[in-house]
PDB file of N, CA and C in Angstrom:
ATOM      1  N   MET A   1      -7.239 -10.963 -17.079  1.00  0.00           N
ATOM      2  CA  MET A   1      -7.153 -11.132 -15.623  1.00  0.00           C
ATOM      3  C   MET A   1      -8.014 -10.069 -14.934  1.00  0.00           C
ATOM      4  N   SER A   2      -8.597 -10.418 -13.821  1.00  0.00           N
ATOM      5  CA  SER A   2      -9.522  -9.487 -13.183  1.00  0.00           C
ATOM      6  C   SER A   2      -8.795  -8.312 -12.537  1.00  0.00           C
ATOM      7  N   GLU A   3      -9.532  -7.245 -12.402  1.00  0.00           N
ATOM      8  CA  GLU A   3      -9.000  -6.025 -11.800  1.00  0.00           C
ATOM      9  C   GLU A   3      -8.575  -6.267 -10.355  1.00  0.00           C
ATOM     10  N   ARG A   4      -9.329  -7.119  -9.658  1.00  0.00           N
ATOM     11  CA  ARG A   4      -8.991  -7.413  -8.258  1.00  0.00           C
ATOM     12  C   ARG A   4      -7.655  -8.135  -8.149  1.00  0.00           C
ATOM     13  N   ILE A   5      -7.396  -9.038  -9.072  1.00  0.00           N
ATOM     14  CA  ILE A   5      -6.122  -9.761  -9.057  1.00  0.00           C
ATOM     15  C   ILE A   5      -4.969  -8.797  -9.339  1.00  0.00           C
ATOM     16  N   ASP A   6      -5.153  -7.916 -10.318  1.00  0.00           N
ATOM     17  CA  ASP A   6      -4.130  -6.914 -10.611  1.00  0.00           C
ATOM     18  C   ASP A   6      -3.857  -6.041  -9.392  1.00  0.00           C
ATOM     19  N   LYS A   7      -4.922  -5.617  -8.734  1.00  0.00           N
ATOM     20  CA  LYS A   7      -4.798  -4.770  -7.542  1.00  0.00           C
ATOM     21  C   LYS A   7      -4.065  -5.526  -6.434  1.00  0.00           C
ATOM     22  N   ALA A   8      -4.430  -6.783  -6.238  1.00  0.00           N
ATOM     23  CA  ALA A   8      -3.787  -7.595  -5.203  1.00  0.00           C
ATOM     24  C   ALA A   8      -2.299  -7.770  -5.490  1.00  0.00           C
ATOM     25  N   LYS A   9      -1.964  -7.999  -6.756  1.00  0.00           N
ATOM     26  CA  LYS A   9      -0.550  -8.144  -7.129  1.00  0.00           C
ATOM     27  C   LYS A   9       0.214  -6.855  -6.858  1.00  0.00           C
ATOM     28  N   GLN A  10      -0.397  -5.735  -7.208  1.00  0.00           N
ATOM     29  CA  GLN A  10       0.236  -4.433  -6.996  1.00  0.00           C
ATOM     30  C   GLN A  10       0.496  -4.190  -5.510  1.00  0.00           C
ATOM     31  N   ILE A  11      -0.501  -4.491  -4.686  1.00  0.00           N
ATOM     32  CA  ILE A  11      -0.358  -4.316  -3.241  1.00  0.00           C
ATOM     33  C   ILE A  11       0.717  -5.253  -2.693  1.00  0.00           C
ATOM     34  N   ALA A  12       0.742  -6.491  -3.181  1.00  0.00           N
ATOM     35  CA  ALA A  12       1.737  -7.458  -2.721  1.00  0.00           C
ATOM     36  C   ALA A  12       3.152  -6.975  -3.024  1.00  0.00           C
ATOM     37  N   ILE A  13       3.346  -6.425  -4.217  1.00  0.00           N
ATOM     38  CA  ILE A  13       4.662  -5.908  -4.592  1.00  0.00           C
ATOM     39  C   ILE A  13       5.049  -4.732  -3.700  1.00  0.00           C
ATOM     40  N   GLU A  14       4.113  -3.805  -3.504  1.00  0.00           N
ATOM     41  CA  GLU A  14       4.384  -2.645  -2.651  1.00  0.00           C
ATOM     42  C   GLU A  14       4.669  -3.080  -1.219  1.00  0.00           C
ATOM     43  N   PHE A  15       3.910  -4.062  -0.735  1.00  0.00           N
ATOM     44  CA  PHE A  15       4.090  -4.575   0.618  1.00  0.00           C
ATOM     45  C   PHE A  15       5.486  -5.179   0.777  1.00  0.00           C
ATOM     46  N   TYR A  16       5.888  -5.976  -0.217  1.00  0.00           N
ATOM     47  CA  TYR A  16       7.203  -6.606  -0.202  1.00  0.00           C
ATOM     48  C   TYR A  16       8.306  -5.548  -0.160  1.00  0.00           C
ATOM     49  N   GLU A  17       8.175  -4.520  -1.003  1.00  0.00           N
ATOM     50  CA  GLU A  17       9.173  -3.451  -1.042  1.00  0.00           C
ATOM     51  C   GLU A  17       9.225  -2.697   0.285  1.00  0.00           C
ATOM     52  N   LYS A  18       8.076  -2.424   0.876  1.00  0.00           N
ATOM     53  CA  LYS A  18       8.033  -1.729   2.170  1.00  0.00           C
ATOM     54  C   LYS A  18       8.643  -2.593   3.265  1.00  0.00           C
ATOM     55  N   GLN A  19       8.407  -3.897   3.182  1.00  0.00           N
ATOM     56  CA  GLN A  19       8.964  -4.811   4.171  1.00  0.00           C
ATOM     57  C   GLN A  19      10.497  -4.783   4.120  1.00  0.00           C
ATOM     58  N   LEU A  20      11.055  -4.791   2.903  1.00  0.00           N
ATOM     59  CA  LEU A  20      12.508  -4.702   2.755  1.00  0.00           C
ATOM     60  C   LEU A  20      13.025  -3.375   3.294  1.00  0.00           C
ATOM     61  N   GLU A  21      12.299  -2.303   2.990  1.00  0.00           N
ATOM     62  CA  GLU A  21      12.676  -0.976   3.466  1.00  0.00           C
ATOM     63  C   GLU A  21      12.672  -0.945   4.994  1.00  0.00           C
ATOM     64  N   LEU A  22      11.645  -1.552   5.598  1.00  0.00           N
ATOM     65  CA  LEU A  22      11.535  -1.600   7.051  1.00  0.00           C
ATOM     66  C   LEU A  22      12.681  -2.404   7.665  1.00  0.00           C
ATOM     67  N   MET A  23      13.010  -3.546   7.077  1.00  0.00           N
ATOM     68  CA  MET A  23      14.098  -4.372   7.608  1.00  0.00           C
ATOM     69  C   MET A  23      15.432  -3.632   7.551  1.00  0.00           C
ATOM     70  N   ASP A  24      15.670  -2.923   6.442  1.00  0.00           N
ATOM     71  CA  ASP A  24      16.890  -2.121   6.332  1.00  0.00           C
ATOM     72  C   ASP A  24      16.927  -1.049   7.412  1.00  0.00           C
ATOM     73  N   LEU A  25      15.793  -0.398   7.599  1.00  0.00           N
ATOM     74  CA  LEU A  25      15.703   0.670   8.586  1.00  0.00           C
ATOM     75  C   LEU A  25      15.927   0.134   9.994  1.00  0.00           C
ATOM     76  N   LEU A  26      15.265  -0.982  10.328  1.00  0.00           N
ATOM     77  CA  LEU A  26      15.426  -1.574  11.654  1.00  0.00           C
ATOM     78  C   LEU A  26      16.869  -2.012  11.887  1.00  0.00           C
ATOM     79  N   ALA A  27      17.504  -2.537  10.852  1.00  0.00           N
ATOM     80  CA  ALA A  27      18.891  -2.983  10.975  1.00  0.00           C
ATOM     81  C   ALA A  27      19.831  -1.813  11.246  1.00  0.00           C
ATOM     82  N   SER A  28      19.434  -0.618  10.814  1.00  0.00           N
ATOM     83  CA  SER A  28      20.299   0.545  10.980  1.00  0.00           C
ATOM     84  C   SER A  28      20.120   1.228  12.337  1.00  0.00           C
ATOM     85  N   LEU A  29      19.107   0.809  13.101  1.00  0.00           N
ATOM     86  CA  LEU A  29      18.883   1.425  14.405  1.00  0.00           C
ATOM     87  C   LEU A  29      19.926   0.949  15.410  1.00  0.00           C
ATOM     88  N   ASN A  30      20.213   1.817  16.373  1.00  0.00           N
ATOM     89  CA  ASN A  30      21.126   1.389  17.434  1.00  0.00           C
ATOM     90  C   ASN A  30      20.349   0.586  18.484  1.00  0.00           C
ATOM     91  N   ASP A  31      21.058   0.025  19.450  1.00  0.00           N
ATOM     92  CA  ASP A  31      20.432  -0.856  20.439  1.00  0.00           C
ATOM     93  C   ASP A  31      19.302  -0.175  21.201  1.00  0.00           C
ATOM     94  N   GLU A  32      19.533   1.083  21.584  1.00  0.00           N
ATOM     95  CA  GLU A  32      18.529   1.828  22.338  1.00  0.00           C
ATOM     96  C   GLU A  32      17.245   1.983  21.517  1.00  0.00           C
ATOM     97  N   GLU A  33      17.415   2.330  20.249  1.00  0.00           N
ATOM     98  CA  GLU A  33      16.264   2.522  19.369  1.00  0.00           C
ATOM     99  C   GLU A  33      15.540   1.200  19.104  1.00  0.00           C
ATOM    100  N   GLN A  34      16.288   0.103  19.001  1.00  0.00           N
ATOM    101  CA  GLN A  34      15.671  -1.191  18.707  1.00  0.00           C
ATOM    102  C   GLN A  34      14.794  -1.684  19.854  1.00  0.00           C
ATOM    103  N   LYS A  35      15.066  -1.216  21.074  1.00  0.00           N
ATOM    104  CA  LYS A  35      14.249  -1.630  22.221  1.00  0.00           C
ATOM    105  C   LYS A  35      12.797  -1.213  22.047  1.00  0.00           C
ATOM    106  N   ILE A  36      12.563  -0.145  21.291  1.00  0.00           N
ATOM    107  CA  ILE A  36      11.202   0.314  21.029  1.00  0.00           C
ATOM    108  C   ILE A  36      10.427  -0.783  20.300  1.00  0.00           C
ATOM    109  N   PHE A  37      11.095  -1.486  19.384  1.00  0.00           N
ATOM    110  CA  PHE A  37      10.441  -2.507  18.576  1.00  0.00           C
ATOM    111  C   PHE A  37      10.516  -3.890  19.209  1.00  0.00           C
ATOM    112  N   HIS A  38      11.492  -4.103  20.076  1.00  0.00           N
ATOM    113  CA  HIS A  38      11.682  -5.409  20.723  1.00  0.00           C
ATOM    114  C   HIS A  38      11.847  -5.201  22.221  1.00  0.00           C
ATOM    115  N   PRO A  39      10.761  -4.864  22.918  1.00  0.00           N
ATOM    116  CA  PRO A  39      10.876  -4.620  24.362  1.00  0.00           C
ATOM    117  C   PRO A  39      11.354  -5.862  25.106  1.00  0.00           C
ATOM    118  N   GLY A  40      12.110  -5.627  26.161  1.00  0.00           N
ATOM    119  CA  GLY A  40      12.611  -6.744  26.954  1.00  0.00           C
ATOM    120  C   GLY A  40      13.962  -7.060  26.481  1.00  0.00           C
TER     121      GLY A  40
END
């Protein structure tokens, strides 16, 4: 398999893990803090 495909897979996995981490973090914010990410 090509090096580019391996690199893309690695980035995809890291991206997925960061996305889960971000969702957990956002879920833990209080209402005031969440307004920063969801104005209005």
